[in-house]
């Protein structure tokens, strides 16, 4: 068996012990991946994903609603109604709303801060 195939087989089957240089290199690669990978690689980028997370205050939340989930040209009352339905909170109030646009400038979703 050639040395190249032996090396490939060694990495695939991981036949190296903890005191070898190969093990050290793998550990360095894992640590580099953990600390150097951008956070954006792990965030959901799909606009149809409903995300709610805590923001500045304990009661404020952020919600993303796709444009096609709203009828016609939505106004603030329509969006507030949708927010109350999605969150299940009849007292929910929209404190801020931002349009999310695609590369062509078309509104594809709304990012909504709710209280």
PDB file of N, CA and C in Angstrom:
ATOM      1  N   UNK A   1       0.856  -1.172   0.000  1.00  0.00           N
ATOM      2  CA  UNK A   1       0.000   0.000   0.000  1.00  0.00           C
ATOM      3  C   UNK A   1       0.903   1.237   0.000  1.00  0.00           C
ATOM      4  N   UNK A   2       0.537   2.227  -0.819  1.00  0.00           N
ATOM      5  CA  UNK A   2       1.360   3.434  -0.923  1.00  0.00           C
ATOM      6  C   UNK A   2       1.196   4.300   0.327  1.00  0.00           C
ATOM      7  N   UNK A   3       2.189   5.162   0.586  1.00  0.00           N
ATOM      8  CA  UNK A   3       2.113   6.043   1.774  1.00  0.00           C
ATOM      9  C   UNK A   3       0.924   6.996   1.733  1.00  0.00           C
ATOM     10  N   UNK A   4       0.521   7.408   0.537  1.00  0.00           N
ATOM     11  CA  UNK A   4      -0.624   8.335   0.430  1.00  0.00           C
ATOM     12  C   UNK A   4      -1.900   7.639   0.881  1.00  0.00           C
ATOM     13  N   UNK A   5      -2.106   6.409   0.399  1.00  0.00           N
ATOM     14  CA  UNK A   5      -3.302   5.663   0.788  1.00  0.00           C
ATOM     15  C   UNK A   5      -3.279   5.320   2.270  1.00  0.00           C
ATOM     16  N   UNK A   6      -2.104   5.043   2.795  1.00  0.00           N
ATOM     17  CA  UNK A   6      -1.979   4.737   4.213  1.00  0.00           C
ATOM     18  C   UNK A   6      -2.366   5.967   5.056  1.00  0.00           C
ATOM     19  N   UNK A   7      -1.937   7.155   4.594  1.00  0.00           N
ATOM     20  CA  UNK A   7      -2.275   8.389   5.302  1.00  0.00           C
ATOM     21  C   UNK A   7      -3.775   8.658   5.241  1.00  0.00           C
ATOM     22  N   UNK A   8      -4.367   8.503   4.043  1.00  0.00           N
ATOM     23  CA  UNK A   8      -5.814   8.709   3.899  1.00  0.00           C
ATOM     24  C   UNK A   8      -6.583   7.719   4.769  1.00  0.00           C
ATOM     25  N   UNK A   9      -6.166   6.460   4.732  1.00  0.00           N
ATOM     26  CA  UNK A   9      -6.820   5.434   5.545  1.00  0.00           C
ATOM     27  C   UNK A   9      -6.682   5.764   7.035  1.00  0.00           C
ATOM     28  N   UNK A  10      -5.503   6.262   7.421  1.00  0.00           N
ATOM     29  CA  UNK A  10      -5.286   6.635   8.823  1.00  0.00           C
ATOM     30  C   UNK A  10      -6.203   7.755   9.276  1.00  0.00           C
ATOM     31  N   UNK A  11      -6.436   8.762   8.406  1.00  0.00           N
ATOM     32  CA  UNK A  11      -7.340   9.853   8.772  1.00  0.00           C
ATOM     33  C   UNK A  11      -8.793   9.402   8.781  1.00  0.00           C
ATOM     34  N   UNK A  12      -9.187   8.587   7.802  1.00  0.00           N
ATOM     35  CA  UNK A  12     -10.574   8.142   7.742  1.00  0.00           C
ATOM     36  C   UNK A  12     -10.899   7.226   8.913  1.00  0.00           C
ATOM     37  N   UNK A  13     -10.034   6.291   9.188  1.00  0.00           N
ATOM     38  CA  UNK A  13     -10.279   5.340  10.279  1.00  0.00           C
ATOM     39  C   UNK A  13      -9.722   5.812  11.615  1.00  0.00           C
ATOM     40  N   UNK A  14      -8.998   6.896  11.605  1.00  0.00           N
ATOM     41  CA  UNK A  14      -8.362   7.536  12.769  1.00  0.00           C
ATOM     42  C   UNK A  14      -7.644   6.523  13.662  1.00  0.00           C
ATOM     43  N   UNK A  15      -6.509   6.128  13.153  1.00  0.00           N
ATOM     44  CA  UNK A  15      -5.711   5.141  13.878  1.00  0.00           C
ATOM     45  C   UNK A  15      -4.575   5.787  14.669  1.00  0.00           C
ATOM     46  N   UNK A  16      -4.652   7.090  14.897  1.00  0.00           N
ATOM     47  CA  UNK A  16      -3.580   7.804  15.589  1.00  0.00           C
ATOM     48  C   UNK A  16      -3.873   7.913  17.081  1.00  0.00           C
ATOM     49  N   UNK A  17      -2.846   7.790  17.891  1.00  0.00           N
ATOM     50  CA  UNK A  17      -2.984   7.899  19.347  1.00  0.00           C
ATOM     51  C   UNK A  17      -2.970   9.347  19.799  1.00  0.00           C
ATOM     52  N   UNK A  18      -3.220   9.560  21.085  1.00  0.00           N
ATOM     53  CA  UNK A  18      -3.293  10.919  21.633  1.00  0.00           C
ATOM     54  C   UNK A  18      -1.951  11.615  21.714  1.00  0.00           C
ATOM     55  N   UNK A  19      -0.877  10.902  21.631  1.00  0.00           N
ATOM     56  CA  UNK A  19       0.440  11.527  21.749  1.00  0.00           C
ATOM     57  C   UNK A  19       1.112  11.738  20.405  1.00  0.00           C
ATOM     58  N   UNK A  20       0.386  11.605  19.303  1.00  0.00           N
ATOM     59  CA  UNK A  20       0.983  11.787  17.974  1.00  0.00           C
ATOM     60  C   UNK A  20       0.750  13.207  17.481  1.00  0.00           C
ATOM     61  N   UNK A  21       1.567  13.625  16.503  1.00  0.00           N
ATOM     62  CA  UNK A  21       1.422  14.974  15.958  1.00  0.00           C
ATOM     63  C   UNK A  21       0.117  15.111  15.177  1.00  0.00           C
ATOM     64  N   UNK A  22      -0.383  14.031  14.596  1.00  0.00           N
ATOM     65  CA  UNK A  22      -1.637  14.085  13.863  1.00  0.00           C
ATOM     66  C   UNK A  22      -2.808  14.449  14.792  1.00  0.00           C
ATOM     67  N   UNK A  23      -2.792  13.886  15.984  1.00  0.00           N
ATOM     68  CA  UNK A  23      -3.814  14.180  16.974  1.00  0.00           C
ATOM     69  C   UNK A  23      -3.749  15.656  17.371  1.00  0.00           C
ATOM     70  N   UNK A  24      -2.531  16.172  17.555  1.00  0.00           N
ATOM     71  CA  UNK A  24      -2.362  17.589  17.907  1.00  0.00           C
ATOM     72  C   UNK A  24      -2.883  18.503  16.798  1.00  0.00           C
ATOM     73  N   UNK A  25      -2.595  18.147  15.555  1.00  0.00           N
ATOM     74  CA  UNK A  25      -3.067  18.949  14.422  1.00  0.00           C
ATOM     75  C   UNK A  25      -4.600  18.945  14.375  1.00  0.00           C
ATOM     76  N   UNK A  26      -5.206  17.794  14.578  1.00  0.00           N
ATOM     77  CA  UNK A  26      -6.662  17.718  14.581  1.00  0.00           C
ATOM     78  C   UNK A  26      -7.247  18.594  15.691  1.00  0.00           C
ATOM     79  N   UNK A  27      -6.661  18.564  16.867  1.00  0.00           N
ATOM     80  CA  UNK A  27      -7.150  19.394  17.977  1.00  0.00           C
ATOM     81  C   UNK A  27      -7.044  20.879  17.647  1.00  0.00           C
ATOM     82  N   UNK A  28      -5.946  21.278  17.030  1.00  0.00           N
ATOM     83  CA  UNK A  28      -5.767  22.680  16.639  1.00  0.00           C
ATOM     84  C   UNK A  28      -6.816  23.063  15.590  1.00  0.00           C
ATOM     85  N   UNK A  29      -7.079  22.181  14.630  1.00  0.00           N
ATOM     86  CA  UNK A  29      -8.093  22.462  13.615  1.00  0.00           C
ATOM     87  C   UNK A  29      -9.484  22.598  14.232  1.00  0.00           C
ATOM     88  N   UNK A  30      -9.804  21.756  15.188  1.00  0.00           N
ATOM     89  CA  UNK A  30     -11.104  21.841  15.858  1.00  0.00           C
ATOM     90  C   UNK A  30     -11.212  23.156  16.625  1.00  0.00           C
ATOM     91  N   UNK A  31     -10.186  23.533  17.358  1.00  0.00           N
ATOM     92  CA  UNK A  31     -10.213  24.795  18.102  1.00  0.00           C
ATOM     93  C   UNK A  31     -10.293  25.993  17.162  1.00  0.00           C
ATOM     94  N   UNK A  32      -9.568  25.941  16.051  1.00  0.00           N
ATOM     95  CA  UNK A  32      -9.629  27.029  15.074  1.00  0.00           C
ATOM     96  C   UNK A  32     -11.045  27.153  14.511  1.00  0.00           C
ATOM     97  N   UNK A  33     -11.684  26.027  14.225  1.00  0.00           N
ATOM     98  CA  UNK A  33     -13.059  26.059  13.723  1.00  0.00           C
ATOM     99  C   UNK A  33     -13.992  26.680  14.758  1.00  0.00           C
ATOM    100  N   UNK A  34     -13.843  26.301  16.001  1.00  0.00           N
ATOM    101  CA  UNK A  34     -14.727  26.808  17.061  1.00  0.00           C
ATOM    102  C   UNK A  34     -14.583  28.316  17.229  1.00  0.00           C
ATOM    103  N   UNK A  35     -13.346  28.803  17.275  1.00  0.00           N
ATOM    104  CA  UNK A  35     -13.127  30.211  17.596  1.00  0.00           C
ATOM    105  C   UNK A  35     -13.082  31.142  16.384  1.00  0.00           C
ATOM    106  N   UNK A  36     -12.882  30.620  15.196  1.00  0.00           N
ATOM    107  CA  UNK A  36     -12.746  31.484  14.026  1.00  0.00           C
ATOM    108  C   UNK A  36     -13.939  31.447  13.075  1.00  0.00           C
ATOM    109  N   UNK A  37     -14.895  30.571  13.324  1.00  0.00           N
ATOM    110  CA  UNK A  37     -16.069  30.482  12.460  1.00  0.00           C
ATOM    111  C   UNK A  37     -16.996  31.652  12.733  1.00  0.00           C
ATOM    112  N   UNK A  38     -17.426  32.369  11.674  1.00  0.00           N
ATOM    113  CA  UNK A  38     -18.348  33.496  11.876  1.00  0.00           C
ATOM    114  C   UNK A  38     -19.691  33.031  12.435  1.00  0.00           C
ATOM    115  N   UNK A  39     -20.253  33.843  13.302  1.00  0.00           N
ATOM    116  CA  UNK A  39     -21.545  33.523  13.923  1.00  0.00           C
ATOM    117  C   UNK A  39     -22.640  33.376  12.876  1.00  0.00           C
ATOM    118  N   UNK A  40     -22.531  34.135  11.790  1.00  0.00           N
ATOM    119  CA  UNK A  40     -23.573  34.122  10.760  1.00  0.00           C
ATOM    120  C   UNK A  40     -23.717  32.760  10.086  1.00  0.00           C
ATOM    121  N   UNK A  41     -22.720  31.902  10.131  1.00  0.00           N
ATOM    122  CA  UNK A  41     -22.812  30.570   9.539  1.00  0.00           C
ATOM    123  C   UNK A  41     -23.847  29.718  10.249  1.00  0.00           C
ATOM    124  N   UNK A  42     -24.137  30.027  11.516  1.00  0.00           N
ATOM    125  CA  UNK A  42     -25.022  29.192  12.305  1.00  0.00           C
ATOM    126  C   UNK A  42     -26.385  29.813  12.539  1.00  0.00           C
ATOM    127  N   UNK A  43     -26.628  31.005  12.007  1.00  0.00           N
ATOM    128  CA  UNK A  43     -27.917  31.648  12.159  1.00  0.00           C
ATOM    129  C   UNK A  43     -28.844  31.187  11.056  1.00  0.00           C
ATOM    130  N   UNK A  44     -30.120  31.126  11.346  1.00  0.00           N
ATOM    131  CA  UNK A  44     -31.103  30.769  10.331  1.00  0.00           C
ATOM    132  C   UNK A  44     -31.242  31.945   9.373  1.00  0.00           C
ATOM    133  N   UNK A  45     -31.122  31.687   8.090  1.00  0.00           N
ATOM    134  CA  UNK A  45     -31.231  32.764   7.126  1.00  0.00           C
ATOM    135  C   UNK A  45     -32.547  32.714   6.363  1.00  0.00           C
ATOM    136  N   UNK A  46     -33.361  31.704   6.561  1.00  0.00           N
ATOM    137  CA  UNK A  46     -34.634  31.601   5.867  1.00  0.00           C
ATOM    138  C   UNK A  46     -35.601  32.614   6.440  1.00  0.00           C
ATOM    139  N   UNK A  47     -36.210  33.377   5.549  1.00  0.00           N
ATOM    140  CA  UNK A  47     -37.119  34.419   6.020  1.00  0.00           C
ATOM    141  C   UNK A  47     -38.440  33.864   6.514  1.00  0.00           C
ATOM    142  N   UNK A  48     -38.781  32.612   6.161  1.00  0.00           N
ATOM    143  CA  UNK A  48     -40.029  32.050   6.653  1.00  0.00           C
ATOM    144  C   UNK A  48     -39.876  31.471   8.051  1.00  0.00           C
ATOM    145  N   UNK A  49     -38.664  31.506   8.583  1.00  0.00           N
ATOM    146  CA  UNK A  49     -38.432  31.012   9.940  1.00  0.00           C
ATOM    147  C   UNK A  49     -38.911  32.058  10.932  1.00  0.00           C
ATOM    148  N   UNK A  50     -39.784  31.673  11.799  1.00  0.00           N
ATOM    149  CA  UNK A  50     -40.307  32.569  12.816  1.00  0.00           C
ATOM    150  C   UNK A  50     -39.357  32.560  13.988  1.00  0.00           C
ATOM    151  N   UNK A  51     -38.708  33.683  14.245  1.00  0.00           N
ATOM    152  CA  UNK A  51     -37.769  33.673  15.352  1.00  0.00           C
ATOM    153  C   UNK A  51     -38.192  34.691  16.396  1.00  0.00           C
ATOM    154  N   UNK A  52     -38.116  34.242  17.602  1.00  0.00           N
ATOM    155  CA  UNK A  52     -38.405  35.118  18.715  1.00  0.00           C
ATOM    156  C   UNK A  52     -37.253  34.994  19.696  1.00  0.00           C
ATOM    157  N   UNK A  53     -36.714  36.120  20.091  1.00  0.00           N
ATOM    158  CA  UNK A  53     -35.641  36.082  21.067  1.00  0.00           C
ATOM    159  C   UNK A  53     -35.719  37.334  21.925  1.00  0.00           C
ATOM    160  N   UNK A  54     -35.095  37.253  23.025  1.00  0.00           N
ATOM    161  CA  UNK A  54     -35.107  38.378  23.942  1.00  0.00           C
ATOM    162  C   UNK A  54     -34.222  39.486  23.397  1.00  0.00           C
ATOM    163  N   UNK A  55     -34.691  40.710  23.484  1.00  0.00           N
ATOM    164  CA  UNK A  55     -33.858  41.855  23.150  1.00  0.00           C
ATOM    165  C   UNK A  55     -33.630  42.650  24.417  1.00  0.00           C
ATOM    166  N   UNK A  56     -33.450  43.943  24.312  1.00  0.00           N
ATOM    167  CA  UNK A  56     -33.061  44.763  25.448  1.00  0.00           C
ATOM    168  C   UNK A  56     -33.824  44.558  26.732  1.00  0.00           C
ATOM    169  N   UNK A  57     -35.129  44.654  26.712  1.00  0.00           N
ATOM    170  CA  UNK A  57     -35.878  44.513  27.955  1.00  0.00           C
ATOM    171  C   UNK A  57     -36.398  43.092  28.097  1.00  0.00           C
ATOM    172  N   UNK A  58     -36.819  42.778  29.291  1.00  0.00           N
ATOM    173  CA  UNK A  58     -37.262  41.410  29.570  1.00  0.00           C
ATOM    174  C   UNK A  58     -38.557  41.071  28.843  1.00  0.00           C
ATOM    175  N   UNK A  59     -39.384  42.091  28.526  1.00  0.00           N
ATOM    176  CA  UNK A  59     -40.673  41.795  27.910  1.00  0.00           C
ATOM    177  C   UNK A  59     -40.682  42.012  26.405  1.00  0.00           C
ATOM    178  N   UNK A  60     -39.655  42.651  25.847  1.00  0.00           N
ATOM    179  CA  UNK A  60     -39.625  42.916  24.408  1.00  0.00           C
ATOM    180  C   UNK A  60     -39.140  41.688  23.661  1.00  0.00           C
ATOM    181  N   UNK A  61     -39.736  41.448  22.487  1.00  0.00           N
ATOM    182  CA  UNK A  61     -39.345  40.329  21.642  1.00  0.00           C
ATOM    183  C   UNK A  61     -39.309  40.791  20.204  1.00  0.00           C
ATOM    184  N   UNK A  62     -38.603  40.017  19.366  1.00  0.00           N
ATOM    185  CA  UNK A  62     -38.521  40.334  17.948  1.00  0.00           C
ATOM    186  C   UNK A  62     -39.118  39.175  17.163  1.00  0.00           C
ATOM    187  N   UNK A  63     -39.848  39.498  16.124  1.00  0.00           N
ATOM    188  CA  UNK A  63     -40.549  38.505  15.332  1.00  0.00           C
ATOM    189  C   UNK A  63     -40.370  38.857  13.861  1.00  0.00           C
ATOM    190  N   UNK A  64     -40.150  37.847  13.008  1.00  0.00           N
ATOM    191  CA  UNK A  64     -40.057  38.060  11.565  1.00  0.00           C
ATOM    192  C   UNK A  64     -41.242  37.363  10.916  1.00  0.00           C
ATOM    193  N   UNK A  65     -41.997  38.123  10.126  1.00  0.00           N
ATOM    194  CA  UNK A  65     -43.156  37.573   9.428  1.00  0.00           C
ATOM    195  C   UNK A  65     -42.958  37.802   7.933  1.00  0.00           C
ATOM    196  N   UNK A  66     -43.072  36.725   7.164  1.00  0.00           N
ATOM    197  CA  UNK A  66     -42.934  36.831   5.704  1.00  0.00           C
ATOM    198  C   UNK A  66     -44.088  37.628   5.121  1.00  0.00           C
ATOM    199  N   UNK A  67     -43.803  38.315   4.052  1.00  0.00           N
ATOM    200  CA  UNK A  67     -44.790  39.168   3.385  1.00  0.00           C
ATOM    201  C   UNK A  67     -45.989  38.364   2.888  1.00  0.00           C
ATOM    202  N   UNK A  68     -45.757  37.156   2.347  1.00  0.00           N
ATOM    203  CA  UNK A  68     -46.878  36.379   1.801  1.00  0.00           C
ATOM    204  C   UNK A  68     -47.802  35.824   2.883  1.00  0.00           C
ATOM    205  N   UNK A  69     -47.405  35.907   4.154  1.00  0.00           N
ATOM    206  CA  UNK A  69     -48.279  35.480   5.247  1.00  0.00           C
ATOM    207  C   UNK A  69     -49.266  36.565   5.653  1.00  0.00           C
ATOM    208  N   UNK A  70     -49.181  37.711   4.990  1.00  0.00           N
ATOM    209  CA  UNK A  70     -50.083  38.824   5.279  1.00  0.00           C
ATOM    210  C   UNK A  70     -50.912  39.113   4.041  1.00  0.00           C
ATOM    211  N   UNK A  71     -52.165  39.443   4.230  1.00  0.00           N
ATOM    212  CA  UNK A  71     -53.062  39.691   3.106  1.00  0.00           C
ATOM    213  C   UNK A  71     -52.878  41.103   2.559  1.00  0.00           C
ATOM    214  N   UNK A  72     -52.848  41.217   1.231  1.00  0.00           N
ATOM    215  CA  UNK A  72     -52.820  42.522   0.576  1.00  0.00           C
ATOM    216  C   UNK A  72     -51.659  43.390   0.999  1.00  0.00           C
ATOM    217  N   UNK A  73     -51.952  44.692   1.170  1.00  0.00           N
ATOM    218  CA  UNK A  73     -50.950  45.651   1.619  1.00  0.00           C
ATOM    219  C   UNK A  73     -51.203  45.906   3.100  1.00  0.00           C
ATOM    220  N   UNK A  74     -50.468  45.235   3.979  1.00  0.00           N
ATOM    221  CA  UNK A  74     -50.807  45.272   5.409  1.00  0.00           C
ATOM    222  C   UNK A  74     -50.538  46.623   6.058  1.00  0.00           C
ATOM    223  N   UNK A  75     -51.443  47.004   6.941  1.00  0.00           N
ATOM    224  CA  UNK A  75     -51.222  48.182   7.760  1.00  0.00           C
ATOM    225  C   UNK A  75     -50.829  47.716   9.165  1.00  0.00           C
ATOM    226  N   UNK A  76     -50.600  48.638  10.047  1.00  0.00           N
ATOM    227  CA  UNK A  76     -50.112  48.307  11.392  1.00  0.00           C
ATOM    228  C   UNK A  76     -51.142  47.466  12.156  1.00  0.00           C
ATOM    229  N   UNK A  77     -52.457  47.724  11.929  1.00  0.00           N
ATOM    230  CA  UNK A  77     -53.474  46.935  12.629  1.00  0.00           C
ATOM    231  C   UNK A  77     -53.471  45.481  12.173  1.00  0.00           C
ATOM    232  N   UNK A  78     -53.293  45.272  10.857  1.00  0.00           N
ATOM    233  CA  UNK A  78     -53.228  43.910  10.314  1.00  0.00           C
ATOM    234  C   UNK A  78     -52.015  43.169  10.885  1.00  0.00           C
ATOM    235  N   UNK A  79     -50.896  43.853  10.950  1.00  0.00           N
ATOM    236  CA  UNK A  79     -49.670  43.231  11.469  1.00  0.00           C
ATOM    237  C   UNK A  79     -49.813  42.936  12.957  1.00  0.00           C
ATOM    238  N   UNK A  80     -50.394  43.856  13.704  1.00  0.00           N
ATOM    239  CA  UNK A  80     -50.615  43.618  15.135  1.00  0.00           C
ATOM    240  C   UNK A  80     -51.538  42.427  15.356  1.00  0.00           C
ATOM    241  N   UNK A  81     -52.569  42.307  14.532  1.00  0.00           N
ATOM    242  CA  UNK A  81     -53.476  41.162  14.615  1.00  0.00           C
ATOM    243  C   UNK A  81     -52.707  39.860  14.365  1.00  0.00           C
ATOM    244  N   UNK A  82     -51.850  39.867  13.357  1.00  0.00           N
ATOM    245  CA  UNK A  82     -51.051  38.677  13.026  1.00  0.00           C
ATOM    246  C   UNK A  82     -50.088  38.340  14.164  1.00  0.00           C
ATOM    247  N   UNK A  83     -49.465  39.353  14.730  1.00  0.00           N
ATOM    248  CA  UNK A  83     -48.537  39.146  15.856  1.00  0.00           C
ATOM    249  C   UNK A  83     -49.266  38.517  17.034  1.00  0.00           C
ATOM    250  N   UNK A  84     -50.445  39.002  17.341  1.00  0.00           N
ATOM    251  CA  UNK A  84     -51.220  38.445  18.465  1.00  0.00           C
ATOM    252  C   UNK A  84     -51.599  36.997  18.208  1.00  0.00           C
ATOM    253  N   UNK A  85     -51.929  36.677  16.952  1.00  0.00           N
ATOM    254  CA  UNK A  85     -52.271  35.298  16.602  1.00  0.00           C
ATOM    255  C   UNK A  85     -51.060  34.384  16.742  1.00  0.00           C
ATOM    256  N   UNK A  86     -49.921  34.825  16.208  1.00  0.00           N
ATOM    257  CA  UNK A  86     -48.713  33.996  16.215  1.00  0.00           C
ATOM    258  C   UNK A  86     -48.186  33.787  17.623  1.00  0.00           C
ATOM    259  N   UNK A  87     -48.151  34.850  18.416  1.00  0.00           N
ATOM    260  CA  UNK A  87     -47.577  34.749  19.756  1.00  0.00           C
ATOM    261  C   UNK A  87     -48.553  34.184  20.775  1.00  0.00           C
ATOM    262  N   UNK A  88     -49.843  34.270  20.490  1.00  0.00           N
ATOM    263  CA  UNK A  88     -50.835  33.818  21.462  1.00  0.00           C
ATOM    264  C   UNK A  88     -50.988  34.787  22.620  1.00  0.00           C
ATOM    265  N   UNK A  89     -50.526  36.010  22.423  1.00  0.00           N
ATOM    266  CA  UNK A  89     -50.615  37.042  23.455  1.00  0.00           C
ATOM    267  C   UNK A  89     -51.577  38.130  22.993  1.00  0.00           C
ATOM    268  N   UNK A  90     -52.797  38.164  23.527  1.00  0.00           N
ATOM    269  CA  UNK A  90     -53.774  39.162  23.074  1.00  0.00           C
ATOM    270  C   UNK A  90     -53.378  40.598  23.420  1.00  0.00           C
ATOM    271  N   UNK A  91     -52.464  40.770  24.358  1.00  0.00           N
ATOM    272  CA  UNK A  91     -52.049  42.124  24.752  1.00  0.00           C
ATOM    273  C   UNK A  91     -50.811  42.602  24.000  1.00  0.00           C
ATOM    274  N   UNK A  92     -50.274  41.782  23.078  1.00  0.00           N
ATOM    275  CA  UNK A  92     -49.046  42.134  22.353  1.00  0.00           C
ATOM    276  C   UNK A  92     -49.246  43.422  21.563  1.00  0.00           C
ATOM    277  N   UNK A  93     -48.215  44.274  21.600  1.00  0.00           N
ATOM    278  CA  UNK A  93     -48.265  45.566  20.923  1.00  0.00           C
ATOM    279  C   UNK A  93     -46.994  45.737  20.111  1.00  0.00           C
ATOM    280  N   UNK A  94     -47.119  46.209  18.869  1.00  0.00           N
ATOM    281  CA  UNK A  94     -45.965  46.441  17.993  1.00  0.00           C
ATOM    282  C   UNK A  94     -45.310  47.746  18.410  1.00  0.00           C
ATOM    283  N   UNK A  95     -44.025  47.682  18.780  1.00  0.00           N
ATOM    284  CA  UNK A  95     -43.326  48.903  19.169  1.00  0.00           C
ATOM    285  C   UNK A  95     -42.471  49.456  18.039  1.00  0.00           C
ATOM    286  N   UNK A  96     -42.049  48.589  17.105  1.00  0.00           N
ATOM    287  CA  UNK A  96     -41.230  49.029  15.988  1.00  0.00           C
ATOM    288  C   UNK A  96     -41.368  48.005  14.870  1.00  0.00           C
ATOM    289  N   UNK A  97     -41.326  48.475  13.622  1.00  0.00           N
ATOM    290  CA  UNK A  97     -41.454  47.571  12.489  1.00  0.00           C
ATOM    291  C   UNK A  97     -40.494  48.012  11.387  1.00  0.00           C
ATOM    292  N   UNK A  98     -39.734  47.042  10.851  1.00  0.00           N
ATOM    293  CA  UNK A  98     -38.799  47.322   9.768  1.00  0.00           C
ATOM    294  C   UNK A  98     -39.084  46.392   8.601  1.00  0.00           C
ATOM    295  N   UNK A  99     -39.016  46.932   7.398  1.00  0.00           N
ATOM    296  CA  UNK A  99     -39.205  46.119   6.208  1.00  0.00           C
ATOM    297  C   UNK A  99     -37.889  45.425   5.857  1.00  0.00           C
ATOM    298  N   UNK A 100     -37.974  44.168   5.463  1.00  0.00           N
ATOM    299  CA  UNK A 100     -36.805  43.431   4.991  1.00  0.00           C
ATOM    300  C   UNK A 100     -36.983  43.264   3.488  1.00  0.00           C
ATOM    301  N   UNK A 101     -36.007  43.727   2.714  1.00  0.00           N
ATOM    302  CA  UNK A 101     -36.113  43.725   1.258  1.00  0.00           C
ATOM    303  C   UNK A 101     -35.109  42.768   0.640  1.00  0.00           C
ATOM    304  N   UNK A 102     -35.472  42.238  -0.541  1.00  0.00           N
ATOM    305  CA  UNK A 102     -34.533  41.395  -1.277  1.00  0.00           C
ATOM    306  C   UNK A 102     -33.609  42.280  -2.095  1.00  0.00           C
ATOM    307  N   UNK A 103     -32.770  41.684  -2.919  1.00  0.00           N
ATOM    308  CA  UNK A 103     -31.797  42.442  -3.711  1.00  0.00           C
ATOM    309  C   UNK A 103     -32.470  43.382  -4.712  1.00  0.00           C
ATOM    310  N   UNK A 104     -33.677  43.050  -5.142  1.00  0.00           N
ATOM    311  CA  UNK A 104     -34.408  43.893  -6.089  1.00  0.00           C
ATOM    312  C   UNK A 104     -35.186  45.020  -5.421  1.00  0.00           C
ATOM    313  N   UNK A 105     -35.171  45.104  -4.119  1.00  0.00           N
ATOM    314  CA  UNK A 105     -35.875  46.154  -3.392  1.00  0.00           C
ATOM    315  C   UNK A 105     -37.300  45.805  -3.021  1.00  0.00           C
ATOM    316  N   UNK A 106     -37.738  44.590  -3.315  1.00  0.00           N
ATOM    317  CA  UNK A 106     -39.098  44.153  -3.000  1.00  0.00           C
ATOM    318  C   UNK A 106     -39.178  43.740  -1.531  1.00  0.00           C
ATOM    319  N   UNK A 107     -40.248  44.151  -0.847  1.00  0.00           N
ATOM    320  CA  UNK A 107     -40.450  43.790   0.557  1.00  0.00           C
ATOM    321  C   UNK A 107     -40.777  42.300   0.624  1.00  0.00           C
ATOM    322  N   UNK A 108     -39.964  41.535   1.363  1.00  0.00           N
ATOM    323  CA  UNK A 108     -40.179  40.092   1.482  1.00  0.00           C
ATOM    324  C   UNK A 108     -40.611  39.685   2.886  1.00  0.00           C
ATOM    325  N   UNK A 109     -40.358  40.546   3.870  1.00  0.00           N
ATOM    326  CA  UNK A 109     -40.732  40.220   5.247  1.00  0.00           C
ATOM    327  C   UNK A 109     -40.712  41.493   6.077  1.00  0.00           C
ATOM    328  N   UNK A 110     -41.269  41.367   7.274  1.00  0.00           N
ATOM    329  CA  UNK A 110     -41.248  42.463   8.238  1.00  0.00           C
ATOM    330  C   UNK A 110     -40.598  41.964   9.515  1.00  0.00           C
ATOM    331  N   UNK A 111     -39.668  42.755  10.034  1.00  0.00           N
ATOM    332  CA  UNK A 111     -39.061  42.451  11.327  1.00  0.00           C
ATOM    333  C   UNK A 111     -39.763  43.352  12.338  1.00  0.00           C
ATOM    334  N   UNK A 112     -40.369  42.724  13.330  1.00  0.00           N
ATOM    335  CA  UNK A 112     -41.258  43.449  14.231  1.00  0.00           C
ATOM    336  C   UNK A 112     -40.779  43.306  15.664  1.00  0.00           C
ATOM    337  N   UNK A 113     -40.644  44.425  16.358  1.00  0.00           N
ATOM    338  CA  UNK A 113     -40.362  44.418  17.791  1.00  0.00           C
ATOM    339  C   UNK A 113     -41.699  44.509  18.505  1.00  0.00           C
ATOM    340  N   UNK A 114     -41.931  43.592  19.438  1.00  0.00           N
ATOM    341  CA  UNK A 114     -43.212  43.596  20.149  1.00  0.00           C
ATOM    342  C   UNK A 114     -42.972  43.714  21.654  1.00  0.00           C
ATOM    343  N   UNK A 115     -43.942  44.245  22.324  1.00  0.00           N
ATOM    344  CA  UNK A 115     -43.897  44.384  23.781  1.00  0.00           C
ATOM    345  C   UNK A 115     -45.034  43.615  24.402  1.00  0.00           C
TER     346      UNK A 115
END
